[in-house]
Amino acid sequence: MAWFIKTETFRLPHEAVIPHLQEHRRWVESLRLEGRRVSSGYLVDDQGRPGGGGMLLLEAPDHDAALSLVQQDPMVIAGCVDWQLQGWRPAVGDLAVS
């Protein structure tokens, strides 16, 4: 299994994103209940305030599998975010040895 990171920035005002964000959280939790290693969160500024984007860290067999999964994200489906998917090769730290 390999690690992947989806970074995103919001395309819509926060109020328009809220319903899709709630669906996104349920989607991530359902993935976790299936046993997938995935974590989602906000990007914040130096004051700890959300900065209009987020990050999803996930484990998948390969880039195609990660891409297929990300394309199921309610935030992506609804067009709420501009996003980018990249592989991540941990070199040192807890995730590198998990």
PDB file of N, CA and C in Angstrom:
ATOM      1  N   MET A   1       0.846  -1.182   0.000  1.00  0.00           N
ATOM      2  CA  MET A   1       0.000   0.000   0.000  1.00  0.00           C
ATOM      3  C   MET A   1       0.892   1.245   0.000  1.00  0.00           C
ATOM      4  N   ALA A   2       0.383   2.279  -0.617  1.00  0.00           N
ATOM      5  CA  ALA A   2       1.106   3.541  -0.714  1.00  0.00           C
ATOM      6  C   ALA A   2       0.247   4.656  -0.123  1.00  0.00           C
ATOM      7  N   TRP A   3       0.899   5.745   0.246  1.00  0.00           N
ATOM      8  CA  TRP A   3       0.207   6.908   0.788  1.00  0.00           C
ATOM      9  C   TRP A   3      -0.024   7.939  -0.307  1.00  0.00           C
ATOM     10  N   PHE A   4      -1.157   8.638  -0.201  1.00  0.00           N
ATOM     11  CA  PHE A   4      -1.512   9.700  -1.131  1.00  0.00           C
ATOM     12  C   PHE A   4      -2.089  10.872  -0.352  1.00  0.00           C
ATOM     13  N   ILE A   5      -1.891  12.062  -0.917  1.00  0.00           N
ATOM     14  CA  ILE A   5      -2.406  13.279  -0.297  1.00  0.00           C
ATOM     15  C   ILE A   5      -3.233  14.037  -1.326  1.00  0.00           C
ATOM     16  N   LYS A   6      -4.470  14.345  -0.933  1.00  0.00           N
ATOM     17  CA  LYS A   6      -5.308  15.236  -1.749  1.00  0.00           C
ATOM     18  C   LYS A   6      -5.340  16.574  -1.026  1.00  0.00           C
ATOM     19  N   THR A   7      -4.849  17.618  -1.680  1.00  0.00           N
ATOM     20  CA  THR A   7      -4.988  18.965  -1.146  1.00  0.00           C
ATOM     21  C   THR A   7      -6.085  19.651  -1.935  1.00  0.00           C
ATOM     22  N   GLU A   8      -6.761  20.577  -1.282  1.00  0.00           N
ATOM     23  CA  GLU A   8      -7.879  21.235  -1.938  1.00  0.00           C
ATOM     24  C   GLU A   8      -8.051  22.655  -1.437  1.00  0.00           C
ATOM     25  N   THR A   9      -8.643  23.484  -2.292  1.00  0.00           N
ATOM     26  CA  THR A   9      -9.067  24.825  -1.905  1.00  0.00           C
ATOM     27  C   THR A   9     -10.531  24.964  -2.288  1.00  0.00           C
ATOM     28  N   PHE A  10     -11.267  25.683  -1.465  1.00  0.00           N
ATOM     29  CA  PHE A  10     -12.693  25.855  -1.710  1.00  0.00           C
ATOM     30  C   PHE A  10     -12.920  26.763  -2.911  1.00  0.00           C
ATOM     31  N   ARG A  11     -13.868  26.387  -3.746  1.00  0.00           N
ATOM     32  CA  ARG A  11     -14.268  27.181  -4.910  1.00  0.00           C
ATOM     33  C   ARG A  11     -15.520  27.989  -4.615  1.00  0.00           C
ATOM     34  N   LEU A  12     -16.256  27.588  -3.595  1.00  0.00           N
ATOM     35  CA  LEU A  12     -17.545  28.198  -3.269  1.00  0.00           C
ATOM     36  C   LEU A  12     -17.478  28.848  -1.893  1.00  0.00           C
ATOM     37  N   PRO A  13     -18.394  29.784  -1.614  1.00  0.00           N
ATOM     38  CA  PRO A  13     -18.443  30.371  -0.267  1.00  0.00           C
ATOM     39  C   PRO A  13     -18.705  29.287   0.776  1.00  0.00           C
ATOM     40  N   HIS A  14     -18.233  29.516   1.967  1.00  0.00           N
ATOM     41  CA  HIS A  14     -18.326  28.534   3.042  1.00  0.00           C
ATOM     42  C   HIS A  14     -19.761  28.050   3.255  1.00  0.00           C
ATOM     43  N   GLU A  15     -20.731  28.958   3.206  1.00  0.00           N
ATOM     44  CA  GLU A  15     -22.124  28.579   3.434  1.00  0.00           C
ATOM     45  C   GLU A  15     -22.593  27.540   2.407  1.00  0.00           C
ATOM     46  N   ALA A  16     -22.132  27.668   1.178  1.00  0.00           N
ATOM     47  CA  ALA A  16     -22.539  26.731   0.123  1.00  0.00           C
ATOM     48  C   ALA A  16     -21.849  25.379   0.270  1.00  0.00           C
ATOM     49  N   VAL A  17     -20.712  25.367   0.944  1.00  0.00           N
ATOM     50  CA  VAL A  17     -19.913  24.153   1.099  1.00  0.00           C
ATOM     51  C   VAL A  17     -20.404  23.286   2.270  1.00  0.00           C
ATOM     52  N   ILE A  18     -21.023  23.909   3.270  1.00  0.00           N
ATOM     53  CA  ILE A  18     -21.369  23.210   4.519  1.00  0.00           C
ATOM     54  C   ILE A  18     -22.109  21.886   4.300  1.00  0.00           C
ATOM     55  N   PRO A  19     -23.185  21.833   3.502  1.00  0.00           N
ATOM     56  CA  PRO A  19     -23.872  20.541   3.352  1.00  0.00           C
ATOM     57  C   PRO A  19     -22.974  19.461   2.747  1.00  0.00           C
ATOM     58  N   HIS A  20     -22.125  19.839   1.818  1.00  0.00           N
ATOM     59  CA  HIS A  20     -21.230  18.875   1.167  1.00  0.00           C
ATOM     60  C   HIS A  20     -20.103  18.474   2.114  1.00  0.00           C
ATOM     61  N   LEU A  21     -19.699  19.395   2.962  1.00  0.00           N
ATOM     62  CA  LEU A  21     -18.673  19.096   3.957  1.00  0.00           C
ATOM     63  C   LEU A  21     -19.196  18.056   4.951  1.00  0.00           C
ATOM     64  N   GLN A  22     -20.452  18.171   5.326  1.00  0.00           N
ATOM     65  CA  GLN A  22     -21.048  17.179   6.223  1.00  0.00           C
ATOM     66  C   GLN A  22     -21.106  15.807   5.543  1.00  0.00           C
ATOM     67  N   GLU A  23     -21.464  15.787   4.256  1.00  0.00           N
ATOM     68  CA  GLU A  23     -21.451  14.525   3.505  1.00  0.00           C
ATOM     69  C   GLU A  23     -20.039  13.967   3.413  1.00  0.00           C
ATOM     70  N   HIS A  24     -19.065  14.849   3.218  1.00  0.00           N
ATOM     71  CA  HIS A  24     -17.657  14.441   3.147  1.00  0.00           C
ATOM     72  C   HIS A  24     -17.240  13.750   4.440  1.00  0.00           C
ATOM     73  N   ARG A  25     -17.606  14.327   5.567  1.00  0.00           N
ATOM     74  CA  ARG A  25     -17.240  13.734   6.862  1.00  0.00           C
ATOM     75  C   ARG A  25     -17.860  12.340   7.019  1.00  0.00           C
ATOM     76  N   ARG A  26     -19.112  12.208   6.621  1.00  0.00           N
ATOM     77  CA  ARG A  26     -19.760  10.883   6.697  1.00  0.00           C
ATOM     78  C   ARG A  26     -19.066   9.894   5.766  1.00  0.00           C
ATOM     79  N   TRP A  27     -18.672  10.358   4.585  1.00  0.00           N
ATOM     80  CA  TRP A  27     -17.969   9.512   3.617  1.00  0.00           C
ATOM     81  C   TRP A  27     -16.638   9.030   4.195  1.00  0.00           C
ATOM     82  N   VAL A  28     -15.866   9.955   4.785  1.00  0.00           N
ATOM     83  CA  VAL A  28     -14.575   9.576   5.388  1.00  0.00           C
ATOM     84  C   VAL A  28     -14.798   8.583   6.516  1.00  0.00           C
ATOM     85  N   GLU A  29     -15.794   8.829   7.344  1.00  0.00           N
ATOM     86  CA  GLU A  29     -16.058   7.910   8.450  1.00  0.00           C
ATOM     87  C   GLU A  29     -16.466   6.530   7.930  1.00  0.00           C
ATOM     88  N   SER A  30     -17.234   6.480   6.849  1.00  0.00           N
ATOM     89  CA  SER A  30     -17.616   5.176   6.287  1.00  0.00           C
ATOM     90  C   SER A  30     -16.393   4.437   5.760  1.00  0.00           C
ATOM     91  N   LEU A  31     -15.437   5.166   5.182  1.00  0.00           N
ATOM     92  CA  LEU A  31     -14.195   4.544   4.726  1.00  0.00           C
ATOM     93  C   LEU A  31     -13.424   3.964   5.912  1.00  0.00           C
ATOM     94  N   ARG A  32     -13.379   4.714   6.993  1.00  0.00           N
ATOM     95  CA  ARG A  32     -12.676   4.251   8.193  1.00  0.00           C
ATOM     96  C   ARG A  32     -13.335   2.989   8.753  1.00  0.00           C
ATOM     97  N   LEU A  33     -14.663   2.966   8.739  1.00  0.00           N
ATOM     98  CA  LEU A  33     -15.380   1.794   9.246  1.00  0.00           C
ATOM     99  C   LEU A  33     -15.132   0.562   8.374  1.00  0.00           C
ATOM    100  N   GLU A  34     -14.794   0.789   7.101  1.00  0.00           N
ATOM    101  CA  GLU A  34     -14.437  -0.317   6.201  1.00  0.00           C
ATOM    102  C   GLU A  34     -13.019  -0.808   6.455  1.00  0.00           C
ATOM    103  N   GLY A  35     -12.279  -0.096   7.319  1.00  0.00           N
ATOM    104  CA  GLY A  35     -10.909  -0.481   7.625  1.00  0.00           C
ATOM    105  C   GLY A  35      -9.854   0.251   6.822  1.00  0.00           C
ATOM    106  N   ARG A  36     -10.260   1.242   6.050  1.00  0.00           N
ATOM    107  CA  ARG A  36      -9.282   2.015   5.267  1.00  0.00           C
ATOM    108  C   ARG A  36      -8.564   3.002   6.174  1.00  0.00           C
ATOM    109  N   ARG A  37      -7.300   3.250   5.843  1.00  0.00           N
ATOM    110  CA  ARG A  37      -6.519   4.255   6.575  1.00  0.00           C
ATOM    111  C   ARG A  37      -6.662   5.567   5.835  1.00  0.00           C
ATOM    112  N   VAL A  38      -7.406   6.494   6.444  1.00  0.00           N
ATOM    113  CA  VAL A  38      -7.712   7.776   5.827  1.00  0.00           C
ATOM    114  C   VAL A  38      -7.917   8.809   6.931  1.00  0.00           C
ATOM    115  N   SER A  39      -7.495  10.032   6.666  1.00  0.00           N
ATOM    116  CA  SER A  39      -7.687  11.115   7.614  1.00  0.00           C
ATOM    117  C   SER A  39      -7.929  12.397   6.829  1.00  0.00           C
ATOM    118  N   SER A  40      -8.849  13.209   7.306  1.00  0.00           N
ATOM    119  CA  SER A  40      -9.220  14.437   6.620  1.00  0.00           C
ATOM    120  C   SER A  40      -9.192  15.593   7.601  1.00  0.00           C
ATOM    121  N   GLY A  41      -8.805  16.769   7.126  1.00  0.00           N
ATOM    122  CA  GLY A  41      -8.800  17.930   8.010  1.00  0.00           C
ATOM    123  C   GLY A  41      -8.641  19.233   7.257  1.00  0.00           C
ATOM    124  N   TYR A  42      -8.738  20.313   8.026  1.00  0.00           N
ATOM    125  CA  TYR A  42      -8.628  21.665   7.493  1.00  0.00           C
ATOM    126  C   TYR A  42      -7.179  22.127   7.428  1.00  0.00           C
ATOM    127  N   LEU A  43      -6.905  22.961   6.455  1.00  0.00           N
ATOM    128  CA  LEU A  43      -5.662  23.721   6.450  1.00  0.00           C
ATOM    129  C   LEU A  43      -5.955  25.017   7.193  1.00  0.00           C
ATOM    130  N   VAL A  44      -5.057  25.417   8.084  1.00  0.00           N
ATOM    131  CA  VAL A  44      -5.274  26.622   8.894  1.00  0.00           C
ATOM    132  C   VAL A  44      -4.117  27.589   8.738  1.00  0.00           C
ATOM    133  N   ASP A  45      -4.410  28.866   9.050  1.00  0.00           N
ATOM    134  CA  ASP A  45      -3.369  29.889   8.978  1.00  0.00           C
ATOM    135  C   ASP A  45      -2.576  29.927  10.284  1.00  0.00           C
ATOM    136  N   ASP A  46      -1.692  30.911  10.425  1.00  0.00           N
ATOM    137  CA  ASP A  46      -0.828  30.985  11.605  1.00  0.00           C
ATOM    138  C   ASP A  46      -1.584  31.305  12.890  1.00  0.00           C
ATOM    139  N   GLN A  47      -2.854  31.684  12.778  1.00  0.00           N
ATOM    140  CA  GLN A  47      -3.693  31.936  13.947  1.00  0.00           C
ATOM    141  C   GLN A  47      -4.624  30.750  14.246  1.00  0.00           C
ATOM    142  N   GLY A  48      -4.482  29.675  13.468  1.00  0.00           N
ATOM    143  CA  GLY A  48      -5.310  28.506  13.674  1.00  0.00           C
ATOM    144  C   GLY A  48      -6.682  28.583  13.028  1.00  0.00           C
ATOM    145  N   ARG A  49      -6.888  29.589  12.165  1.00  0.00           N
ATOM    146  CA  ARG A  49      -8.179  29.748  11.488  1.00  0.00           C
ATOM    147  C   ARG A  49      -8.176  28.965  10.181  1.00  0.00           C
ATOM    148  N   PRO A  50      -9.299  28.278   9.891  1.00  0.00           N
ATOM    149  CA  PRO A  50      -9.386  27.586   8.597  1.00  0.00           C
ATOM    150  C   PRO A  50      -9.133  28.571   7.464  1.00  0.00           C
ATOM    151  N   GLY A  51      -8.343  28.113   6.474  1.00  0.00           N
ATOM    152  CA  GLY A  51      -7.927  29.012   5.404  1.00  0.00           C
ATOM    153  C   GLY A  51      -8.569  28.735   4.062  1.00  0.00           C
ATOM    154  N   GLY A  52      -9.719  28.077   4.043  1.00  0.00           N
ATOM    155  CA  GLY A  52     -10.418  27.874   2.784  1.00  0.00           C
ATOM    156  C   GLY A  52     -10.027  26.620   2.041  1.00  0.00           C
ATOM    157  N   GLY A  53      -9.418  25.671   2.748  1.00  0.00           N
ATOM    158  CA  GLY A  53      -9.032  24.435   2.077  1.00  0.00           C
ATOM    159  C   GLY A  53      -8.836  23.310   3.057  1.00  0.00           C
ATOM    160  N   GLY A  54      -8.402  22.179   2.526  1.00  0.00           N
ATOM    161  CA  GLY A  54      -8.214  21.025   3.380  1.00  0.00           C
ATOM    162  C   GLY A  54      -7.247  20.027   2.780  1.00  0.00           C
ATOM    163  N   MET A  55      -7.071  18.937   3.507  1.00  0.00           N
ATOM    164  CA  MET A  55      -6.160  17.883   3.083  1.00  0.00           C
ATOM    165  C   MET A  55      -6.746  16.537   3.476  1.00  0.00           C
ATOM    166  N   LEU A  56      -6.591  15.579   2.590  1.00  0.00           N
ATOM    167  CA  LEU A  56      -7.008  14.207   2.851  1.00  0.00           C
ATOM    168  C   LEU A  56      -5.785  13.326   2.675  1.00  0.00           C
ATOM    169  N   LEU A  57      -5.456  12.565   3.693  1.00  0.00           N
ATOM    170  CA  LEU A  57      -4.351  11.617   3.647  1.00  0.00           C
ATOM    171  C   LEU A  57      -4.970  10.239   3.577  1.00  0.00           C
ATOM    172  N   LEU A  58      -4.584   9.446   2.572  1.00  0.00           N
ATOM    173  CA  LEU A  58      -5.176   8.124   2.428  1.00  0.00           C
ATOM    174  C   LEU A  58      -4.153   7.114   1.944  1.00  0.00           C
ATOM    175  N   GLU A  59      -4.436   5.877   2.247  1.00  0.00           N
ATOM    176  CA  GLU A  59      -3.604   4.773   1.803  1.00  0.00           C
ATOM    177  C   GLU A  59      -4.372   4.011   0.726  1.00  0.00           C
ATOM    178  N   ALA A  60      -3.679   3.677  -0.347  1.00  0.00           N
ATOM    179  CA  ALA A  60      -4.302   2.948  -1.459  1.00  0.00           C
ATOM    180  C   ALA A  60      -3.238   2.093  -2.139  1.00  0.00           C
ATOM    181  N   PRO A  61      -3.654   1.081  -2.903  1.00  0.00           N
ATOM    182  CA  PRO A  61      -2.683   0.220  -3.578  1.00  0.00           C
ATOM    183  C   PRO A  61      -1.821   0.954  -4.604  1.00  0.00           C
ATOM    184  N   ASP A  62      -2.416   1.943  -5.294  1.00  0.00           N
ATOM    185  CA  ASP A  62      -1.680   2.675  -6.326  1.00  0.00           C
ATOM    186  C   ASP A  62      -2.414   3.977  -6.640  1.00  0.00           C
ATOM    187  N   HIS A  63      -1.821   4.787  -7.526  1.00  0.00           N
ATOM    188  CA  HIS A  63      -2.388   6.096  -7.843  1.00  0.00           C
ATOM    189  C   HIS A  63      -3.788   5.972  -8.441  1.00  0.00           C
ATOM    190  N   ASP A  64      -3.990   5.013  -9.325  1.00  0.00           N
ATOM    191  CA  ASP A  64      -5.309   4.847  -9.940  1.00  0.00           C
ATOM    192  C   ASP A  64      -6.385   4.558  -8.900  1.00  0.00           C
ATOM    193  N   ALA A  65      -6.067   3.716  -7.934  1.00  0.00           N
ATOM    194  CA  ALA A  65      -7.024   3.394  -6.871  1.00  0.00           C
ATOM    195  C   ALA A  65      -7.299   4.622  -5.997  1.00  0.00           C
ATOM    196  N   ALA A  66      -6.249   5.389  -5.691  1.00  0.00           N
ATOM    197  CA  ALA A  66      -6.426   6.613  -4.898  1.00  0.00           C
ATOM    198  C   ALA A  66      -7.280   7.616  -5.671  1.00  0.00           C
ATOM    199  N   LEU A  67      -7.017   7.768  -6.954  1.00  0.00           N
ATOM    200  CA  LEU A  67      -7.781   8.693  -7.786  1.00  0.00           C
ATOM    201  C   LEU A  67      -9.249   8.280  -7.838  1.00  0.00           C
ATOM    202  N   SER A  68      -9.498   7.009  -8.014  1.00  0.00           N
ATOM    203  CA  SER A  68     -10.870   6.510  -8.055  1.00  0.00           C
ATOM    204  C   SER A  68     -11.597   6.815  -6.751  1.00  0.00           C
ATOM    205  N   LEU A  69     -10.904   6.658  -5.639  1.00  0.00           N
ATOM    206  CA  LEU A  69     -11.507   6.943  -4.344  1.00  0.00           C
ATOM    207  C   LEU A  69     -11.787   8.432  -4.185  1.00  0.00           C
ATOM    208  N   VAL A  70     -10.818   9.267  -4.511  1.00  0.00           N
ATOM    209  CA  VAL A  70     -10.976  10.713  -4.371  1.00  0.00           C
ATOM    210  C   VAL A  70     -12.129  11.225  -5.233  1.00  0.00           C
ATOM    211  N   GLN A  71     -12.328  10.630  -6.376  1.00  0.00           N
ATOM    212  CA  GLN A  71     -13.413  11.058  -7.259  1.00  0.00           C
ATOM    213  C   GLN A  71     -14.788  10.733  -6.672  1.00  0.00           C
ATOM    214  N   GLN A  72     -14.836   9.946  -5.598  1.00  0.00           N
ATOM    215  CA  GLN A  72     -16.078   9.646  -4.901  1.00  0.00           C
ATOM    216  C   GLN A  72     -16.358  10.610  -3.745  1.00  0.00           C
ATOM    217  N   ASP A  73     -15.407  11.491  -3.457  1.00  0.00           N
ATOM    218  CA  ASP A  73     -15.544  12.455  -2.367  1.00  0.00           C
ATOM    219  C   ASP A  73     -16.702  13.408  -2.680  1.00  0.00           C
ATOM    220  N   PRO A  74     -17.674  13.542  -1.771  1.00  0.00           N
ATOM    221  CA  PRO A  74     -18.789  14.451  -2.009  1.00  0.00           C
ATOM    222  C   PRO A  74     -18.357  15.888  -2.315  1.00  0.00           C
ATOM    223  N   MET A  75     -17.248  16.336  -1.752  1.00  0.00           N
ATOM    224  CA  MET A  75     -16.761  17.696  -2.039  1.00  0.00           C
ATOM    225  C   MET A  75     -16.308  17.808  -3.495  1.00  0.00           C
ATOM    226  N   VAL A  76     -15.712  16.755  -4.020  1.00  0.00           N
ATOM    227  CA  VAL A  76     -15.267  16.728  -5.416  1.00  0.00           C
ATOM    228  C   VAL A  76     -16.472  16.610  -6.344  1.00  0.00           C
ATOM    229  N   ILE A  77     -17.366  15.689  -6.035  1.00  0.00           N
ATOM    230  CA  ILE A  77     -18.548  15.472  -6.866  1.00  0.00           C
ATOM    231  C   ILE A  77     -19.370  16.750  -7.008  1.00  0.00           C
ATOM    232  N   ALA A  78     -19.510  17.500  -5.916  1.00  0.00           N
ATOM    233  CA  ALA A  78     -20.320  18.724  -5.917  1.00  0.00           C
ATOM    234  C   ALA A  78     -19.585  19.921  -6.535  1.00  0.00           C
ATOM    235  N   GLY A  79     -18.313  19.754  -6.872  1.00  0.00           N
ATOM    236  CA  GLY A  79     -17.562  20.860  -7.465  1.00  0.00           C
ATOM    237  C   GLY A  79     -17.226  21.963  -6.476  1.00  0.00           C
ATOM    238  N   CYS A  80     -17.166  21.620  -5.200  1.00  0.00           N
ATOM    239  CA  CYS A  80     -16.889  22.607  -4.155  1.00  0.00           C
ATOM    240  C   CYS A  80     -15.416  22.990  -4.065  1.00  0.00           C
ATOM    241  N   VAL A  81     -14.548  22.143  -4.613  1.00  0.00           N
ATOM    242  CA  VAL A  81     -13.114  22.353  -4.412  1.00  0.00           C
ATOM    243  C   VAL A  81     -12.321  22.196  -5.708  1.00  0.00           C
ATOM    244  N   ASP A  82     -11.231  22.913  -5.772  1.00  0.00           N
ATOM    245  CA  ASP A  82     -10.169  22.619  -6.722  1.00  0.00           C
ATOM    246  C   ASP A  82      -9.223  21.716  -5.960  1.00  0.00           C
ATOM    247  N   TRP A  83      -8.788  20.636  -6.557  1.00  0.00           N
ATOM    248  CA  TRP A  83      -7.996  19.672  -5.798  1.00  0.00           C
ATOM    249  C   TRP A  83      -6.853  19.114  -6.634  1.00  0.00           C
ATOM    250  N   GLN A  84      -5.916  18.536  -5.906  1.00  0.00           N
ATOM    251  CA  GLN A  84      -4.754  17.901  -6.522  1.00  0.00           C
ATOM    252  C   GLN A  84      -4.437  16.649  -5.720  1.00  0.00           C
ATOM    253  N   LEU A  85      -4.122  15.573  -6.414  1.00  0.00           N
ATOM    254  CA  LEU A  85      -3.752  14.319  -5.762  1.00  0.00           C
ATOM    255  C   LEU A  85      -2.297  14.018  -6.061  1.00  0.00           C
ATOM    256  N   GLN A  86      -1.556  13.736  -5.013  1.00  0.00           N
ATOM    257  CA  GLN A  86      -0.141  13.382  -5.171  1.00  0.00           C
ATOM    258  C   GLN A  86       0.180  12.173  -4.313  1.00  0.00           C
ATOM    259  N   GLY A  87       1.108  11.370  -4.796  1.00  0.00           N
ATOM    260  CA  GLY A  87       1.640  10.302  -3.973  1.00  0.00           C
ATOM    261  C   GLY A  87       2.561  10.898  -2.929  1.00  0.00           C
ATOM    262  N   TRP A  88       2.691  10.199  -1.819  1.00  0.00           N
ATOM    263  CA  TRP A  88       3.585  10.647  -0.753  1.00  0.00           C
ATOM    264  C   TRP A  88       4.400   9.450  -0.303  1.00  0.00           C
ATOM    265  N   ARG A  89       5.694   9.617  -0.304  1.00  0.00           N
ATOM    266  CA  ARG A  89       6.587   8.539   0.134  1.00  0.00           C
ATOM    267  C   ARG A  89       7.234   8.931   1.454  1.00  0.00           C
ATOM    268  N   PRO A  90       6.652   8.510   2.554  1.00  0.00           N
ATOM    269  CA  PRO A  90       7.235   8.846   3.846  1.00  0.00           C
ATOM    270  C   PRO A  90       8.612   8.221   3.998  1.00  0.00           C
ATOM    271  N   ALA A  91       9.514   9.000   4.546  1.00  0.00           N
ATOM    272  CA  ALA A  91      10.879   8.518   4.709  1.00  0.00           C
ATOM    273  C   ALA A  91      11.230   8.265   6.176  1.00  0.00           C
ATOM    274  N   VAL A  92      10.700   9.102   7.064  1.00  0.00           N
ATOM    275  CA  VAL A  92      11.023   8.996   8.478  1.00  0.00           C
ATOM    276  C   VAL A  92       9.750   9.313   9.265  1.00  0.00           C
ATOM    277  N   GLY A  93       9.518   8.597  10.344  1.00  0.00           N
ATOM    278  CA  GLY A  93       8.377   8.909  11.203  1.00  0.00           C
ATOM    279  C   GLY A  93       7.419   7.748  11.339  1.00  0.00           C
ATOM    280  N   ASP A  94       6.377   7.959  12.141  1.00  0.00           N
ATOM    281  CA  ASP A  94       5.431   6.894  12.468  1.00  0.00           C
ATOM    282  C   ASP A  94       4.752   6.291  11.245  1.00  0.00           C
ATOM    283  N   LEU A  95       4.334   7.121  10.308  1.00  0.00           N
ATOM    284  CA  LEU A  95       3.662   6.598   9.130  1.00  0.00           C
ATOM    285  C   LEU A  95       4.607   5.815   8.247  1.00  0.00           C
ATOM    286  N   ALA A  96       5.883   6.158   8.269  1.00  0.00           N
ATOM    287  CA  ALA A  96       6.852   5.458   7.437  1.00  0.00           C
ATOM    288  C   ALA A  96       7.058   4.023   7.895  1.00  0.00           C
ATOM    289  N   VAL A  97       6.852   3.767   9.180  1.00  0.00           N
ATOM    290  CA  VAL A  97       7.121   2.434   9.700  1.00  0.00           C
ATOM    291  C   VAL A  97       5.850   1.666  10.027  1.00  0.00           C
ATOM    292  N   SER A  98       4.675   2.274   9.790  1.00  0.00           N
ATOM    293  CA  SER A  98       3.405   1.604  10.100  1.00  0.00           C
ATOM    294  C   SER A  98       3.134   0.511   9.085  1.00  0.00           C
TER     295      SER A  98
END
